Amino acid sequence: MVTARLKAALAGLDVGLDIANGNELDEASTAQIPAEMLGRLLDDRDLRRLQRTIMPKKPRRVGKR
């Protein structure tokens, strides 16, 4: 996390940026990250796409009948 903040500051990308937290991914999740998403700040659209890629799908709820 410190490295990401430092890189953002050095590139001048931290203006108005509030970094709240970060999470370390396991090896299986890391392997699922597309190469074009590595080494750059992700916008909201990319973050949603990444979340759909690495998060397990929720099982569908079957309604009571």
N, C-alpha and C. Protein backbone atom coordinates (compact mmCIF):
# COMPACT_ATOMS: atom_id res chain seq x y z
N MET A 1 0.83 -1.19 0.00
CA MET A 1 0.00 0.00 0.00
C MET A 1 0.87 1.25 0.00
N VAL A 2 1.93 1.23 0.77
CA VAL A 2 2.82 2.39 0.83
C VAL A 2 3.43 2.64 -0.54
N THR A 3 3.80 1.58 -1.23
CA THR A 3 4.40 1.72 -2.55
C THR A 3 3.42 2.38 -3.53
N ALA A 4 2.17 1.96 -3.49
CA ALA A 4 1.16 2.54 -4.38
C ALA A 4 0.96 4.02 -4.09
N ARG A 5 0.92 4.38 -2.81
CA ARG A 5 0.76 5.80 -2.45
C ARG A 5 1.96 6.61 -2.91
N LEU A 6 3.16 6.07 -2.74
CA LEU A 6 4.36 6.77 -3.15
C LEU A 6 4.40 6.96 -4.67
N LYS A 7 4.06 5.92 -5.41
CA LYS A 7 4.04 6.02 -6.87
C LYS A 7 3.02 7.06 -7.33
N ALA A 8 1.84 7.07 -6.70
CA ALA A 8 0.82 8.05 -7.06
C ALA A 8 1.31 9.47 -6.77
N ALA A 9 1.95 9.66 -5.62
CA ALA A 9 2.47 10.99 -5.26
C ALA A 9 3.56 11.44 -6.22
N LEU A 10 4.48 10.55 -6.56
CA LEU A 10 5.57 10.91 -7.47
C LEU A 10 5.06 11.25 -8.86
N ALA A 11 3.98 10.59 -9.28
CA ALA A 11 3.42 10.86 -10.60
C ALA A 11 2.46 12.04 -10.57
N GLY A 12 2.25 12.63 -9.39
CA GLY A 12 1.33 13.76 -9.28
C GLY A 12 -0.13 13.35 -9.35
N LEU A 13 -0.41 12.09 -9.10
CA LEU A 13 -1.77 11.58 -9.21
C LEU A 13 -2.51 11.54 -7.89
N ASP A 14 -1.89 12.04 -6.83
CA ASP A 14 -2.50 11.97 -5.51
C ASP A 14 -3.31 13.22 -5.15
N VAL A 15 -3.39 14.18 -6.04
CA VAL A 15 -4.14 15.41 -5.77
C VAL A 15 -5.62 15.07 -5.64
N GLY A 16 -6.18 15.32 -4.47
CA GLY A 16 -7.58 15.03 -4.23
C GLY A 16 -7.88 13.55 -4.05
N LEU A 17 -6.86 12.74 -4.00
CA LEU A 17 -7.04 11.30 -3.88
C LEU A 17 -7.02 10.89 -2.42
N ASP A 18 -8.02 10.18 -2.01
CA ASP A 18 -8.09 9.70 -0.63
C ASP A 18 -8.02 8.18 -0.67
N ILE A 19 -6.85 7.64 -0.38
CA ILE A 19 -6.66 6.20 -0.39
C ILE A 19 -7.08 5.68 0.99
N ALA A 20 -8.14 4.89 1.02
CA ALA A 20 -8.69 4.43 2.29
C ALA A 20 -8.05 3.14 2.77
N ASN A 21 -7.90 2.18 1.90
CA ASN A 21 -7.32 0.90 2.30
C ASN A 21 -6.88 0.11 1.09
N GLY A 22 -6.28 -0.99 1.35
CA GLY A 22 -5.86 -1.89 0.29
C GLY A 22 -5.89 -3.31 0.82
N ASN A 23 -5.99 -4.24 -0.07
CA ASN A 23 -6.04 -5.64 0.32
C ASN A 23 -5.02 -6.43 -0.49
N GLU A 24 -4.38 -7.37 0.17
CA GLU A 24 -3.45 -8.25 -0.53
C GLU A 24 -4.24 -9.43 -1.07
N LEU A 25 -3.99 -9.76 -2.32
CA LEU A 25 -4.71 -10.86 -2.96
C LEU A 25 -3.93 -12.16 -2.83
N ASP A 26 -4.66 -13.25 -2.80
CA ASP A 26 -3.99 -14.55 -2.81
C ASP A 26 -3.49 -14.83 -4.24
N GLU A 27 -2.69 -15.88 -4.37
CA GLU A 27 -2.06 -16.18 -5.66
C GLU A 27 -3.09 -16.48 -6.75
N ALA A 28 -4.14 -17.19 -6.42
CA ALA A 28 -5.17 -17.53 -7.41
C ALA A 28 -5.87 -16.28 -7.92
N SER A 29 -6.19 -15.35 -7.02
CA SER A 29 -6.84 -14.10 -7.43
C SER A 29 -5.90 -13.23 -8.25
N THR A 30 -4.63 -13.18 -7.84
CA THR A 30 -3.63 -12.38 -8.55
C THR A 30 -3.51 -12.83 -10.00
N ALA A 31 -3.56 -14.12 -10.23
CA ALA A 31 -3.43 -14.67 -11.58
C ALA A 31 -4.59 -14.26 -12.49
N GLN A 32 -5.72 -13.86 -11.90
CA GLN A 32 -6.90 -13.48 -12.69
C GLN A 32 -6.91 -12.02 -13.12
N ILE A 33 -5.98 -11.22 -12.63
CA ILE A 33 -5.96 -9.80 -12.96
C ILE A 33 -5.40 -9.62 -14.38
N PRO A 34 -6.16 -8.97 -15.26
CA PRO A 34 -5.68 -8.74 -16.61
C PRO A 34 -4.41 -7.88 -16.62
N ALA A 35 -3.49 -8.19 -17.51
CA ALA A 35 -2.20 -7.50 -17.58
C ALA A 35 -2.36 -6.00 -17.77
N GLU A 36 -3.40 -5.57 -18.51
CA GLU A 36 -3.57 -4.13 -18.76
C GLU A 36 -4.00 -3.36 -17.51
N MET A 37 -4.35 -4.07 -16.45
CA MET A 37 -4.74 -3.40 -15.20
C MET A 37 -3.58 -3.28 -14.22
N LEU A 38 -2.47 -3.85 -14.53
CA LEU A 38 -1.31 -3.82 -13.63
C LEU A 38 -0.52 -2.53 -13.79
N GLY A 39 -0.02 -1.99 -12.70
CA GLY A 39 0.88 -0.85 -12.74
C GLY A 39 0.24 0.49 -12.99
N ARG A 40 -1.06 0.61 -12.79
CA ARG A 40 -1.72 1.90 -12.98
C ARG A 40 -2.89 2.03 -12.04
N LEU A 41 -3.34 3.26 -11.84
CA LEU A 41 -4.53 3.49 -11.04
C LEU A 41 -5.75 3.09 -11.86
N LEU A 42 -6.68 2.44 -11.22
CA LEU A 42 -7.87 1.98 -11.92
C LEU A 42 -9.04 2.92 -11.66
N ASP A 43 -9.83 3.17 -12.72
CA ASP A 43 -11.02 4.00 -12.54
C ASP A 43 -12.16 3.12 -12.03
N ASP A 44 -13.30 3.73 -11.75
CA ASP A 44 -14.43 2.99 -11.18
C ASP A 44 -14.88 1.84 -12.08
N ARG A 45 -14.91 2.07 -13.38
CA ARG A 45 -15.34 1.03 -14.32
C ARG A 45 -14.40 -0.17 -14.25
N ASP A 46 -13.09 0.11 -14.25
CA ASP A 46 -12.11 -0.97 -14.16
C ASP A 46 -12.21 -1.72 -12.83
N LEU A 47 -12.44 -0.98 -11.75
CA LEU A 47 -12.57 -1.62 -10.44
C LEU A 47 -13.77 -2.55 -10.38
N ARG A 48 -14.89 -2.13 -10.94
CA ARG A 48 -16.07 -3.00 -10.97
C ARG A 48 -15.80 -4.24 -11.81
N ARG A 49 -15.14 -4.07 -12.95
CA ARG A 49 -14.80 -5.20 -13.81
C ARG A 49 -13.87 -6.18 -13.10
N LEU A 50 -12.88 -5.63 -12.40
CA LEU A 50 -11.94 -6.46 -11.66
C LEU A 50 -12.65 -7.21 -10.54
N GLN A 51 -13.54 -6.52 -9.84
CA GLN A 51 -14.27 -7.17 -8.75
C GLN A 51 -15.11 -8.34 -9.28
N ARG A 52 -15.78 -8.15 -10.41
CA ARG A 52 -16.57 -9.24 -11.00
C ARG A 52 -15.68 -10.41 -11.40
N THR A 53 -14.44 -10.11 -11.79
CA THR A 53 -13.51 -11.15 -12.23
C THR A 53 -13.01 -12.00 -11.07
N ILE A 54 -12.65 -11.37 -9.96
CA ILE A 54 -11.99 -12.13 -8.90
C ILE A 54 -12.89 -12.53 -7.73
N MET A 55 -14.07 -11.95 -7.63
CA MET A 55 -14.96 -12.29 -6.52
C MET A 55 -15.83 -13.48 -6.91
N PRO A 56 -16.03 -14.41 -5.97
CA PRO A 56 -16.91 -15.54 -6.29
C PRO A 56 -18.34 -15.07 -6.49
N LYS A 57 -19.01 -15.74 -7.38
CA LYS A 57 -20.40 -15.39 -7.65
C LYS A 57 -21.27 -15.82 -6.48
N LYS A 58 -22.25 -14.99 -6.14
CA LYS A 58 -23.19 -15.34 -5.08
C LYS A 58 -24.19 -16.34 -5.65
N PRO A 59 -24.52 -17.35 -4.87
CA PRO A 59 -25.53 -18.30 -5.37
C PRO A 59 -26.89 -17.61 -5.49
N ARG A 60 -27.64 -18.01 -6.49
CA ARG A 60 -28.98 -17.43 -6.66
C ARG A 60 -29.88 -17.90 -5.55
N ARG A 61 -30.66 -16.98 -5.04
CA ARG A 61 -31.62 -17.32 -3.98
C ARG A 61 -32.89 -17.83 -4.61
N VAL A 62 -33.32 -18.96 -4.13
CA VAL A 62 -34.56 -19.54 -4.62
C VAL A 62 -35.67 -19.10 -3.70
N GLY A 63 -36.66 -18.44 -4.25
CA GLY A 63 -37.77 -17.92 -3.45
C GLY A 63 -38.67 -19.03 -2.93
N LYS A 64 -39.34 -18.74 -1.83
CA LYS A 64 -40.30 -19.69 -1.26
C LYS A 64 -41.58 -19.65 -2.08
N ARG A 65 -42.14 -20.78 -2.29
CA ARG A 65 -43.40 -20.84 -3.05
C ARG A 65 -44.47 -21.45 -2.24
